[in-house]
Amino acid sequence: MLKRVKTQLSRDQPTEHKMTAAAALELDELCFLTAQSMPSLKVSEHFQVVKLLGQGSYGKVVLAVHRKRGTPMALKLFPRQSTSLHSFLREYNLSLSYCTHPSLTRALGIFFSTPTYYVFAQQAGLYGDLYSVIVSEVGVDEECVQRVMAQLSSAVSHLHSLGFVHRDIKPENIFLCDSSCRWVKLGDFGLARASGTCVRAVWYESPFCTPEVEPAKKAEKEMERRLREGTEEEMEDIWVTVEPCIDSWALGVLVYCLLTGCFPWEESTHDDRGYSRFKEWFIRDTEQKEKIRHAEWESEEDSYIILKGNQRDNPVPSQFEGLSPLVMTLLKELLHPEPKKRGSPEEILSYLGGPWLMETEREERRKAEEAEKEAKKIREGAGVEGKLVREGRGER
């Protein structure tokens, strides 16, 4: 069953160790400049609030209409009590200056403070978020899945090219511009950081959390034990580098969610049964294919027979049984347990157009067989007709 995922990372804790990327330095400069010119406004004087769109640990988002312009927009409100000015301005400036792709939610250039909130305006997703259209244990129409993933692949690749990693890709952060997902936008850049930034590793219980931060889970459990026992001994923080492969992992999990309406596992740790089954299968499958790649076969048919035998001896984990070999190859790229070997979001584009579900693959095969039978009839008919024509010419 698909449940809403809560990201347990704090946006305002001092997680950044050092920021060396040029993109991060440029963003910091923008934050410094905008901090000098942020006005104080009263929301009700300038906007008519229509309804609440979303709420979380960050604050809330409301749909509003600008009273003078009549323009609908989403207002994102961050409580001043729990939000640093720098983190607010970082998200605002990132969304305003870098989210120029049509499938990235962009700020509208309106930002201000109230006595209780920091606020900025952004494009509104008037049709809700992607989570709202995923049918539990069913998913979304396959054509729709590929359409959504094509847009997200392009959007995330664009963000990476500018030097930033989103770090919080999930259905709740993907907003719909129409009811059929023909135009979606990735939003919520509160956790986005420059690639290469060192941050404190934080584990949270979610299939979107990458396996490389599992040590942070162990550290968290150890800290809980020390607190229970009254031990005052401090623990050293675990630091990780922000890399684009974090987003690749999340996109792989998202593909699975959309196709099945479920999560592949509850969390990507060794003690999660679903993930451990996947990792064991992944390792065996990789080893088998490496053997085939390095072996010398007498014919291509021999290697095909061996490959089919390996698939029989190492079947995919039960949670992946309905997925086609094509999408399983893609998931192996995106969900590689080793982050440095994980594929990029752009690789999704190479897998579009083919069948991602077994039932679709069977249907395509059936249609291809029928088309071949029809073509054979036409060829045979043309052969008979040609013979008759030639015989007729001979008689004349």
Protein backbone atom coordinates (compact mmCIF):
# COMPACT_ATOMS: atom_id res chain seq x y z
CA MET A 1 0.00 0.00 0.00
CA LEU A 2 1.22 3.48 -0.86
CA LYS A 3 1.38 5.84 2.11
CA ARG A 4 2.45 9.45 2.30
CA VAL A 5 6.15 9.79 2.95
CA LYS A 6 7.31 12.24 5.58
CA THR A 7 10.82 13.52 5.08
CA GLN A 8 12.35 13.80 8.53
CA LEU A 9 15.23 16.08 7.53
CA SER A 10 15.30 19.46 9.25
CA ARG A 11 15.74 22.39 6.89
CA ASP A 12 17.20 24.69 9.50
CA GLN A 13 19.66 22.58 11.43
CA PRO A 14 23.33 23.46 10.78
CA THR A 15 23.97 20.58 8.37
CA GLU A 16 26.31 22.35 5.99
CA HIS A 17 29.98 21.79 6.62
CA LYS A 18 31.44 23.78 3.75
CA MET A 19 30.12 24.89 0.37
CA THR A 20 32.71 24.93 -2.36
CA ALA A 21 30.56 24.86 -5.50
CA ALA A 22 30.34 28.07 -7.52
CA ALA A 23 26.57 27.65 -7.69
CA ALA A 24 26.34 27.68 -3.90
CA LEU A 25 28.46 30.82 -3.62
CA GLU A 26 26.32 32.56 -6.23
CA LEU A 27 23.15 31.55 -4.40
CA ASP A 28 24.54 32.85 -1.11
CA GLU A 29 25.24 36.19 -2.79
CA LEU A 30 21.64 36.37 -4.00
CA CYS A 31 20.45 35.65 -0.47
CA PHE A 32 22.60 38.47 0.89
CA LEU A 33 21.23 40.95 -1.65
CA THR A 34 17.56 40.04 -1.23
CA ALA A 35 17.86 40.17 2.56
CA GLN A 36 18.50 43.92 2.18
CA SER A 37 15.26 44.54 0.31
CA MET A 38 12.62 42.27 1.86
CA PRO A 39 9.44 44.25 2.55
CA SER A 40 6.93 43.75 5.36
CA LEU A 41 3.36 43.22 4.15
CA LYS A 42 0.00 42.10 5.43
CA VAL A 43 -1.26 39.07 3.48
CA SER A 44 -4.96 40.03 3.59
CA GLU A 45 -4.28 43.51 2.14
CA HIS A 46 -2.62 42.21 -1.02
CA PHE A 47 -4.03 38.70 -1.47
CA GLN A 48 -7.35 36.91 -1.22
CA VAL A 49 -6.64 33.49 0.30
CA VAL A 50 -8.77 30.82 -1.41
CA LYS A 51 -7.81 27.56 0.31
CA LEU A 52 -5.06 25.57 1.99
CA LEU A 53 -3.04 23.51 -0.51
CA GLY A 54 -0.60 21.79 1.82
CA GLN A 55 0.90 21.79 5.27
CA GLY A 56 3.99 20.27 6.85
CA SER A 57 6.95 20.80 9.14
CA TYR A 58 8.15 23.63 6.85
CA GLY A 59 4.91 25.64 7.27
CA LYS A 60 2.00 25.78 4.83
CA VAL A 61 1.04 26.60 1.24
CA VAL A 62 -2.19 28.42 0.37
CA LEU A 63 -3.85 29.19 -2.94
CA ALA A 64 -4.34 32.94 -3.22
CA VAL A 65 -5.37 35.56 -5.76
CA HIS A 66 -3.47 38.83 -6.08
CA ARG A 67 -6.05 41.54 -5.35
CA LYS A 68 -4.77 44.04 -7.96
CA ARG A 69 -3.68 41.71 -10.74
CA GLY A 70 -6.24 38.94 -10.24
CA THR A 71 -3.47 36.38 -10.73
CA PRO A 72 -3.79 33.01 -8.95
CA MET A 73 -0.62 31.89 -7.17
CA ALA A 74 0.57 29.72 -4.32
CA LEU A 75 1.85 31.48 -1.21
CA LYS A 76 4.39 29.49 0.77
CA LEU A 77 4.46 30.55 4.42
CA PHE A 78 7.37 29.68 6.73
CA PRO A 79 6.97 30.29 10.49
CA ARG A 80 9.60 32.81 11.57
CA GLN A 81 9.91 31.10 14.93
CA SER A 82 11.28 27.89 13.37
CA THR A 83 12.79 29.12 10.07
CA SER A 84 16.05 30.97 9.62
CA LEU A 85 16.00 33.92 7.26
CA HIS A 86 18.88 32.41 5.28
CA SER A 87 17.11 29.09 4.66
CA PHE A 88 13.96 30.95 3.54
CA LEU A 89 15.89 33.19 1.15
CA ARG A 90 17.90 30.24 -0.17
CA GLU A 91 14.77 28.35 -1.20
CA TYR A 92 13.18 31.50 -2.65
CA ASN A 93 16.23 32.51 -4.69
CA LEU A 94 16.90 28.97 -5.89
CA SER A 95 13.32 28.69 -7.14
CA LEU A 96 13.35 32.18 -8.69
CA SER A 97 16.76 32.17 -10.39
CA TYR A 98 17.53 28.54 -11.22
CA CYS A 99 14.18 26.79 -11.79
CA THR A 100 13.87 27.89 -15.41
CA HIS A 101 12.80 24.47 -16.71
CA PRO A 102 9.06 24.11 -17.52
CA SER A 103 8.80 21.15 -15.12
CA LEU A 104 10.35 22.95 -12.14
CA THR A 105 8.10 25.09 -9.92
CA ARG A 106 9.30 28.69 -10.13
CA ALA A 107 8.95 31.55 -7.64
CA LEU A 108 7.18 34.65 -8.98
CA GLY A 109 9.43 37.39 -7.63
CA ILE A 110 7.12 38.25 -4.71
CA PHE A 111 8.61 37.75 -1.25
CA PHE A 112 7.92 39.48 2.07
CA SER A 113 7.63 39.02 5.80
CA THR A 114 4.77 39.32 8.28
CA PRO A 115 5.07 39.40 12.06
CA THR A 116 4.78 35.58 12.15
CA TYR A 117 5.82 34.32 8.67
CA TYR A 118 8.32 34.63 5.86
CA VAL A 119 6.37 34.35 2.59
CA PHE A 120 7.07 33.96 -1.11
CA ALA A 121 4.76 33.43 -4.08
CA GLN A 122 5.22 30.63 -6.61
CA GLN A 123 3.39 29.06 -9.53
CA ALA A 124 0.34 27.17 -8.32
CA GLY A 125 -0.35 23.52 -9.12
CA LEU A 126 -4.11 23.85 -9.42
CA TYR A 127 -4.72 20.10 -9.81
CA GLY A 128 -3.04 18.86 -6.65
CA ASP A 129 0.05 16.68 -6.38
CA LEU A 130 1.09 13.38 -7.94
CA TYR A 131 0.30 11.46 -4.77
CA SER A 132 -3.40 12.28 -5.19
CA VAL A 133 -3.66 10.42 -8.53
CA ILE A 134 -1.79 7.24 -7.58
CA VAL A 135 -4.28 4.44 -6.92
CA SER A 136 -3.07 2.33 -4.00
CA GLU A 137 -1.79 -1.11 -5.12
CA VAL A 138 -2.69 -0.22 -8.73
CA GLY A 139 -0.61 2.79 -9.66
CA VAL A 140 -1.09 4.98 -12.72
CA ASP A 141 -1.63 4.18 -16.39
CA GLU A 142 1.69 3.12 -17.93
CA GLU A 143 1.56 5.74 -20.67
CA CYS A 144 1.03 8.37 -17.98
CA VAL A 145 3.99 7.00 -15.97
CA GLN A 146 6.34 7.35 -18.92
CA ARG A 147 5.00 10.83 -19.67
CA VAL A 148 5.59 11.97 -16.08
CA MET A 149 9.05 10.41 -15.86
CA ALA A 150 10.12 11.99 -19.16
CA GLN A 151 9.32 15.43 -17.73
CA LEU A 152 10.96 14.77 -14.36
CA SER A 153 14.07 13.27 -15.96
CA SER A 154 14.53 16.42 -18.02
CA ALA A 155 13.77 18.75 -15.08
CA VAL A 156 16.15 17.03 -12.64
CA SER A 157 18.90 16.83 -15.27
CA HIS A 158 18.49 20.59 -15.79
CA LEU A 159 18.78 21.24 -12.05
CA HIS A 160 21.89 19.05 -11.87
CA SER A 161 23.46 20.90 -14.80
CA LEU A 162 23.17 24.11 -12.78
CA GLY A 163 24.98 22.49 -9.86
CA PHE A 164 22.10 21.62 -7.51
CA VAL A 165 20.60 18.39 -6.13
CA HIS A 166 16.94 18.35 -5.07
CA ARG A 167 17.24 15.69 -2.30
CA ASP A 168 13.49 15.38 -1.68
CA ILE A 169 11.87 13.91 -4.79
CA LYS A 170 8.60 12.16 -3.88
CA PRO A 171 4.99 12.20 -5.16
CA GLU A 172 3.91 14.90 -2.69
CA ASN A 173 6.47 17.32 -4.16
CA ILE A 174 5.37 16.87 -7.79
CA PHE A 175 2.51 19.18 -8.71
CA LEU A 176 -0.04 18.82 -11.52
CA CYS A 177 -0.85 21.56 -14.04
CA ASP A 178 -3.68 19.50 -15.56
CA SER A 179 -5.80 16.51 -14.57
CA SER A 180 -4.05 13.99 -16.85
CA CYS A 181 -0.41 14.64 -15.85
CA ARG A 182 0.51 16.04 -19.25
CA TRP A 183 2.34 18.81 -17.44
CA VAL A 184 3.89 18.25 -14.03
CA LYS A 185 6.27 20.38 -11.97
CA LEU A 186 8.78 19.32 -9.35
CA GLY A 187 8.69 21.70 -6.38
CA ASP A 188 9.74 22.19 -2.75
CA PHE A 189 13.43 23.08 -2.83
CA GLY A 190 13.88 23.42 0.92
CA LEU A 191 16.37 20.53 1.06
CA ALA A 192 18.12 21.32 -2.24
CA ARG A 193 21.86 21.84 -1.91
CA ALA A 194 24.76 22.47 -4.24
CA SER A 195 26.43 19.35 -5.58
CA GLY A 196 29.61 18.73 -3.61
CA THR A 197 28.27 20.26 -0.40
CA CYS A 198 29.12 18.37 2.80
CA VAL A 199 26.05 17.81 4.99
CA ARG A 200 25.41 15.90 8.16
CA ALA A 201 23.98 12.46 7.30
CA VAL A 202 20.39 12.15 8.50
CA TRP A 203 18.49 8.90 8.25
CA TYR A 204 14.69 8.84 7.98
CA GLU A 205 12.34 5.91 7.56
CA SER A 206 11.42 6.05 3.89
CA PRO A 207 12.04 4.05 0.69
CA PHE A 208 13.34 7.31 -0.82
CA CYS A 209 16.16 7.50 1.73
CA THR A 210 19.35 6.22 0.06
CA PRO A 211 21.12 3.12 1.46
CA GLU A 212 24.42 4.99 1.87
CA VAL A 213 23.06 6.87 4.91
CA GLU A 214 22.24 3.68 6.83
CA PRO A 215 25.21 4.37 9.17
CA ALA A 216 23.25 7.42 10.35
CA LYS A 217 20.43 5.09 11.43
CA LYS A 218 22.86 3.06 13.53
CA ALA A 219 24.24 6.26 15.03
CA GLU A 220 20.71 7.42 15.84
CA LYS A 221 19.90 4.14 17.60
CA GLU A 222 23.17 4.35 19.53
CA MET A 223 22.37 7.89 20.63
CA GLU A 224 18.91 6.77 21.81
CA ARG A 225 20.57 3.98 23.83
CA ARG A 226 23.00 6.40 25.46
CA LEU A 227 20.19 8.76 26.38
CA ARG A 228 18.22 5.91 27.97
CA GLU A 229 21.25 4.83 29.97
CA GLY A 230 22.15 8.39 30.92
CA THR A 231 25.51 8.29 29.16
CA GLU A 232 26.75 11.79 28.44
CA GLU A 233 29.44 10.71 25.98
CA GLU A 234 28.99 12.62 22.71
CA MET A 235 29.04 11.00 19.27
CA GLU A 236 30.80 12.35 16.24
CA ASP A 237 28.60 13.47 13.35
CA ILE A 238 28.61 11.46 10.13
CA TRP A 239 29.16 13.65 7.07
CA VAL A 240 28.21 12.85 3.49
CA THR A 241 28.69 14.67 0.20
CA VAL A 242 25.63 15.80 -1.74
CA GLU A 243 25.71 14.08 -5.15
CA PRO A 244 23.21 13.86 -8.06
CA CYS A 245 22.93 10.09 -7.46
CA ILE A 246 20.65 10.92 -4.48
CA ASP A 247 18.01 12.12 -6.95
CA SER A 248 18.58 9.12 -9.24
CA TRP A 249 17.65 6.80 -6.36
CA ALA A 250 14.45 8.75 -5.64
CA LEU A 251 13.45 8.69 -9.32
CA GLY A 252 13.88 4.90 -9.37
CA VAL A 253 11.63 4.47 -6.34
CA LEU A 254 9.14 6.86 -7.94
CA VAL A 255 9.00 4.79 -11.15
CA TYR A 256 8.11 1.74 -9.05
CA CYS A 257 5.46 3.67 -7.07
CA LEU A 258 3.75 4.95 -10.19
CA LEU A 259 3.70 1.54 -11.89
CA THR A 260 2.46 -0.46 -8.89
CA GLY A 261 0.82 1.90 -6.40
CA CYS A 262 3.16 0.49 -3.72
CA PHE A 263 6.66 1.05 -2.38
CA PRO A 264 9.33 -1.56 -3.19
CA TRP A 265 10.42 -1.58 0.50
CA GLU A 266 9.77 0.40 3.65
CA GLU A 267 13.37 1.54 4.01
CA SER A 268 16.61 0.83 2.18
CA THR A 269 18.48 -0.85 5.04
CA HIS A 270 19.92 -4.36 5.44
CA ASP A 271 17.24 -5.33 7.99
CA ASP A 272 14.36 -4.45 5.64
CA ARG A 273 13.25 -7.70 4.02
CA GLY A 274 12.09 -6.12 0.75
CA TYR A 275 15.30 -4.18 0.22
CA SER A 276 17.60 -7.05 1.28
CA ARG A 277 15.87 -9.36 -1.25
CA PHE A 278 16.36 -6.78 -3.98
CA LYS A 279 20.03 -6.26 -3.11
CA GLU A 280 20.75 -10.01 -3.07
CA TRP A 281 19.05 -10.41 -6.45
CA PHE A 282 20.89 -7.36 -7.80
CA ILE A 283 24.30 -8.73 -6.80
CA ARG A 284 23.63 -12.21 -8.26
CA ASP A 285 22.22 -10.76 -11.48
CA THR A 286 25.22 -8.45 -11.90
CA GLU A 287 27.70 -11.28 -11.28
CA GLN A 288 25.94 -13.58 -13.78
CA LYS A 289 25.93 -10.92 -16.50
CA GLU A 290 29.59 -10.15 -15.87
CA LYS A 291 30.43 -13.85 -16.42
CA ILE A 292 28.49 -13.86 -19.67
CA ARG A 293 30.18 -10.64 -20.82
CA HIS A 294 33.67 -12.02 -20.24
CA ALA A 295 33.02 -15.53 -21.56
CA GLU A 296 33.62 -16.55 -25.17
CA TRP A 297 30.60 -18.26 -26.68
CA GLU A 298 30.48 -20.18 -29.90
CA SER A 299 27.36 -18.34 -30.96
CA GLU A 300 24.99 -15.60 -29.83
CA GLU A 301 22.37 -18.30 -29.31
CA ASP A 302 24.57 -19.96 -26.65
CA SER A 303 24.84 -16.75 -24.62
CA TYR A 304 21.07 -16.23 -24.92
CA ILE A 305 20.41 -19.74 -23.55
CA ILE A 306 22.76 -19.10 -20.62
CA LEU A 307 21.10 -15.73 -19.94
CA LYS A 308 17.62 -17.32 -19.87
CA GLY A 309 18.94 -20.00 -17.52
CA ASN A 310 20.32 -17.37 -15.15
CA GLN A 311 16.96 -15.58 -15.13
CA ARG A 312 15.32 -18.87 -14.17
CA ASP A 313 17.85 -19.54 -11.40
CA ASN A 314 17.74 -15.95 -10.11
CA PRO A 315 14.14 -14.75 -10.52
CA VAL A 316 13.34 -11.14 -9.66
CA PRO A 317 12.05 -10.52 -6.11
CA SER A 318 8.29 -11.01 -5.79
CA GLN A 319 7.56 -7.27 -5.53
CA PHE A 320 8.99 -6.78 -9.05
CA GLU A 321 7.22 -9.69 -10.78
CA GLY A 322 4.78 -7.55 -12.77
CA LEU A 323 7.50 -5.38 -14.30
CA SER A 324 9.04 -6.00 -17.72
CA PRO A 325 12.75 -6.75 -18.27
CA LEU A 326 13.07 -3.32 -19.89
CA VAL A 327 12.03 -1.35 -16.80
CA MET A 328 13.94 -3.74 -14.52
CA THR A 329 17.10 -2.80 -16.43
CA LEU A 330 16.26 0.87 -15.85
CA LEU A 331 15.62 0.27 -12.14
CA LYS A 332 18.96 -1.51 -11.85
CA GLU A 333 20.58 1.65 -13.20
CA LEU A 334 18.75 4.04 -10.86
CA LEU A 335 18.64 1.83 -7.76
CA HIS A 336 22.25 0.68 -7.77
CA PRO A 337 23.24 0.08 -4.11
CA GLU A 338 26.62 1.72 -4.76
CA PRO A 339 26.03 5.47 -5.25
CA LYS A 340 29.03 6.03 -7.55
CA LYS A 341 27.68 3.41 -9.99
CA ARG A 342 24.13 4.77 -10.04
CA GLY A 343 22.81 5.96 -13.39
CA SER A 344 21.84 9.56 -14.12
CA PRO A 345 18.23 10.82 -14.53
CA GLU A 346 18.88 11.28 -18.26
CA GLU A 347 19.03 7.50 -18.68
CA ILE A 348 15.26 7.34 -18.18
CA LEU A 349 14.85 8.89 -21.64
CA SER A 350 16.53 5.85 -23.21
CA TYR A 351 13.81 3.54 -21.87
CA LEU A 352 10.76 5.47 -23.02
CA GLY A 353 8.47 3.96 -25.64
CA GLY A 354 9.03 0.33 -24.72
CA PRO A 355 6.83 -1.74 -22.37
CA TRP A 356 7.37 -1.18 -18.63
CA LEU A 357 4.78 -3.74 -17.48
CA MET A 358 4.68 -7.45 -18.31
CA GLU A 359 1.06 -7.25 -19.46
CA THR A 360 1.99 -4.44 -21.86
CA GLU A 361 4.91 -6.49 -23.16
CA ARG A 362 2.63 -9.48 -23.76
CA GLU A 363 0.10 -7.28 -25.54
CA GLU A 364 2.81 -5.76 -27.75
CA ARG A 365 4.10 -9.24 -28.56
CA ARG A 366 0.58 -10.39 -29.49
CA LYS A 367 0.08 -7.38 -31.75
CA ALA A 368 3.47 -7.95 -33.39
CA GLU A 369 2.60 -11.62 -34.07
CA GLU A 370 -0.75 -10.64 -35.58
CA ALA A 371 0.92 -8.01 -37.75
CA GLU A 372 3.47 -10.57 -38.94
CA LYS A 373 0.70 -13.05 -39.82
CA GLU A 374 -1.13 -10.33 -41.75
CA ALA A 375 2.07 -9.35 -43.57
CA LYS A 376 2.72 -12.99 -44.45
CA LYS A 377 -0.77 -13.31 -45.95
CA ILE A 378 -0.19 -10.18 -48.00
CA ARG A 379 3.19 -11.47 -49.22
CA GLU A 380 1.72 -14.85 -50.13
CA GLY A 381 -1.23 -13.18 -51.85
CA ALA A 382 1.14 -10.94 -53.80
CA GLY A 383 3.14 -14.01 -54.85
CA VAL A 384 0.09 -15.81 -56.24
CA GLU A 385 -1.14 -12.67 -57.97
CA GLY A 386 2.26 -12.09 -59.55
CA LYS A 387 2.38 -15.67 -60.85
CA LEU A 388 -1.03 -15.29 -62.45
CA VAL A 389 -0.01 -12.04 -64.09
CA ARG A 390 3.17 -13.60 -65.50
CA GLU A 391 1.24 -16.63 -66.81
CA GLY A 392 -1.31 -14.32 -68.42
CA ARG A 393 1.44 -12.37 -70.20
CA GLY A 394 2.95 -15.62 -71.49
CA GLU A 395 -0.32 -16.69 -73.07
CA ARG A 396 -0.59 -13.38 -74.92
